[in-house]
Amino acid sequence: MAQYKKSIIYICKVWSMSTDFKSLNYLALLLPLSIPSTGLPTSIKCFTLLRSPLGNKAAKDQFERREYRSYFIIKSRSSSKILAFIDILKYLNGVKFKVVLEEKNINLYQ
């Protein structure tokens, strides 16, 4: 008769966004080599401002803001590794994160 042993795998899904490409690359250096990172599309927001609000309406400055995004998944059997990685994430400057944690039960045959 086969016995079942339950094992829990913790899954951490992280979406990151930054206006500075260099700080997002620092995040990729913190990841272990076994974790692939997926680059998401860059969003570009362009806007125009008048130089002088009263005088010359033809004098305008144009600016753009680029937001670089990435996505990766970390899987681990111990929750302490996941929590340690989330603790490291808060020290990166200028990077916003959305973190989703999941638990998955796996039945192992023994």
Protein backbone atom coordinates (compact mmCIF):
# COMPACT_ATOMS: atom_id res chain seq x y z
CA MET A 1 0.00 0.00 0.00
CA ALA A 2 1.45 3.36 -1.01
CA GLN A 3 1.72 6.14 1.52
CA TYR A 4 1.35 9.78 0.62
CA LYS A 5 3.59 12.44 2.05
CA LYS A 6 2.50 16.04 1.61
CA SER A 7 5.06 18.59 0.60
CA ILE A 8 4.49 22.33 0.26
CA ILE A 9 6.12 24.44 -2.44
CA TYR A 10 6.06 28.21 -2.06
CA ILE A 11 5.75 30.20 -5.27
CA CYS A 12 6.64 33.90 -5.40
CA LYS A 13 5.63 35.83 -8.55
CA VAL A 14 7.24 39.26 -8.85
CA TRP A 15 6.41 42.04 -11.32
CA SER A 16 8.89 44.92 -11.19
CA MET A 17 8.82 48.35 -12.82
CA SER A 18 11.39 51.15 -12.90
CA THR A 19 12.13 54.33 -14.83
CA ASP A 20 15.85 53.65 -14.43
CA PHE A 21 17.08 50.74 -16.53
CA LYS A 22 20.26 50.39 -14.48
CA SER A 23 18.42 49.71 -11.21
CA LEU A 24 16.32 47.04 -12.93
CA ASN A 25 19.53 45.37 -14.10
CA TYR A 26 20.78 45.30 -10.50
CA LEU A 27 17.69 43.28 -9.69
CA ALA A 28 18.65 40.71 -12.35
CA LEU A 29 22.08 40.38 -10.70
CA LEU A 30 20.44 39.51 -7.36
CA LEU A 31 18.53 36.60 -8.89
CA PRO A 32 20.16 33.17 -8.91
CA LEU A 33 21.15 31.92 -12.36
CA SER A 34 18.51 29.18 -12.27
CA ILE A 35 15.67 31.75 -12.20
CA PRO A 36 14.81 33.13 -15.64
CA SER A 37 13.65 36.74 -15.85
CA THR A 38 11.21 37.82 -18.53
CA GLY A 39 11.40 41.35 -19.87
CA LEU A 40 8.00 42.90 -20.44
CA PRO A 41 7.32 45.69 -22.98
CA THR A 42 8.61 49.17 -22.23
CA SER A 43 5.88 51.77 -21.92
CA ILE A 44 6.70 55.26 -23.19
CA LYS A 45 4.69 58.28 -22.11
CA CYS A 46 5.28 61.49 -24.09
CA PHE A 47 4.04 64.88 -22.95
CA THR A 48 4.49 68.52 -23.99
CA LEU A 49 4.77 71.62 -21.78
CA LEU A 50 4.57 75.28 -22.79
CA ARG A 51 7.72 77.28 -21.96
CA SER A 52 5.87 80.47 -21.15
CA PRO A 53 2.19 80.22 -20.28
CA LEU A 54 1.33 83.78 -21.34
CA GLY A 55 3.55 84.68 -24.28
CA ASN A 56 4.79 82.58 -27.14
CA LYS A 57 2.54 79.54 -27.67
CA ALA A 58 4.95 78.04 -30.22
CA ALA A 59 7.72 77.61 -27.62
CA LYS A 60 7.17 74.10 -26.25
CA ASP A 61 9.30 71.49 -24.51
CA GLN A 62 8.70 67.81 -25.15
CA PHE A 63 9.52 65.12 -22.61
CA GLU A 64 9.15 61.37 -22.43
CA ARG A 65 9.10 58.92 -19.56
CA ARG A 66 10.10 55.31 -20.11
CA GLU A 67 9.03 52.55 -17.74
CA TYR A 68 10.97 49.29 -17.94
CA ARG A 69 9.24 46.19 -16.60
CA SER A 70 10.24 42.60 -15.84
CA TYR A 71 8.62 39.47 -14.40
CA PHE A 72 10.06 36.42 -12.67
CA ILE A 73 8.94 33.46 -10.55
CA ILE A 74 10.78 31.97 -7.58
CA LYS A 75 9.89 28.47 -6.35
CA SER A 76 11.21 27.09 -3.07
CA ARG A 77 10.33 24.47 -0.48
CA SER A 78 11.28 26.74 2.42
CA SER A 79 9.41 29.93 3.10
CA SER A 80 12.47 31.54 4.71
CA LYS A 81 14.27 31.76 1.34
CA ILE A 82 11.29 33.53 -0.20
CA LEU A 83 11.03 35.96 2.72
CA ALA A 84 14.79 36.67 2.59
CA PHE A 85 14.52 37.53 -1.11
CA ILE A 86 11.55 39.84 -0.50
CA ASP A 87 13.57 41.53 2.25
CA ILE A 88 16.38 42.21 -0.27
CA LEU A 89 13.91 43.75 -2.74
CA LYS A 90 13.09 46.69 -0.49
CA TYR A 91 16.69 47.97 -0.64
CA LEU A 92 16.59 48.64 -4.40
CA ASN A 93 16.05 52.33 -5.12
CA GLY A 94 13.53 53.44 -7.70
CA VAL A 95 12.04 50.00 -8.37
CA LYS A 96 8.36 49.25 -7.71
CA PHE A 97 7.25 45.69 -7.03
CA LYS A 98 4.09 43.67 -7.00
CA VAL A 99 4.60 40.36 -5.18
CA VAL A 100 2.15 37.46 -5.15
CA LEU A 101 2.79 34.50 -2.84
CA GLU A 102 1.18 31.10 -3.31
CA GLU A 103 1.33 27.74 -1.57
CA LYS A 104 0.99 24.54 -3.52
CA ASN A 105 0.54 21.12 -1.91
CA ILE A 106 2.22 18.23 -3.67
CA ASN A 107 1.58 14.58 -2.80
CA LEU A 108 4.72 12.47 -2.85
CA TYR A 109 4.64 8.68 -3.03
CA GLN A 110 6.68 6.84 -0.45
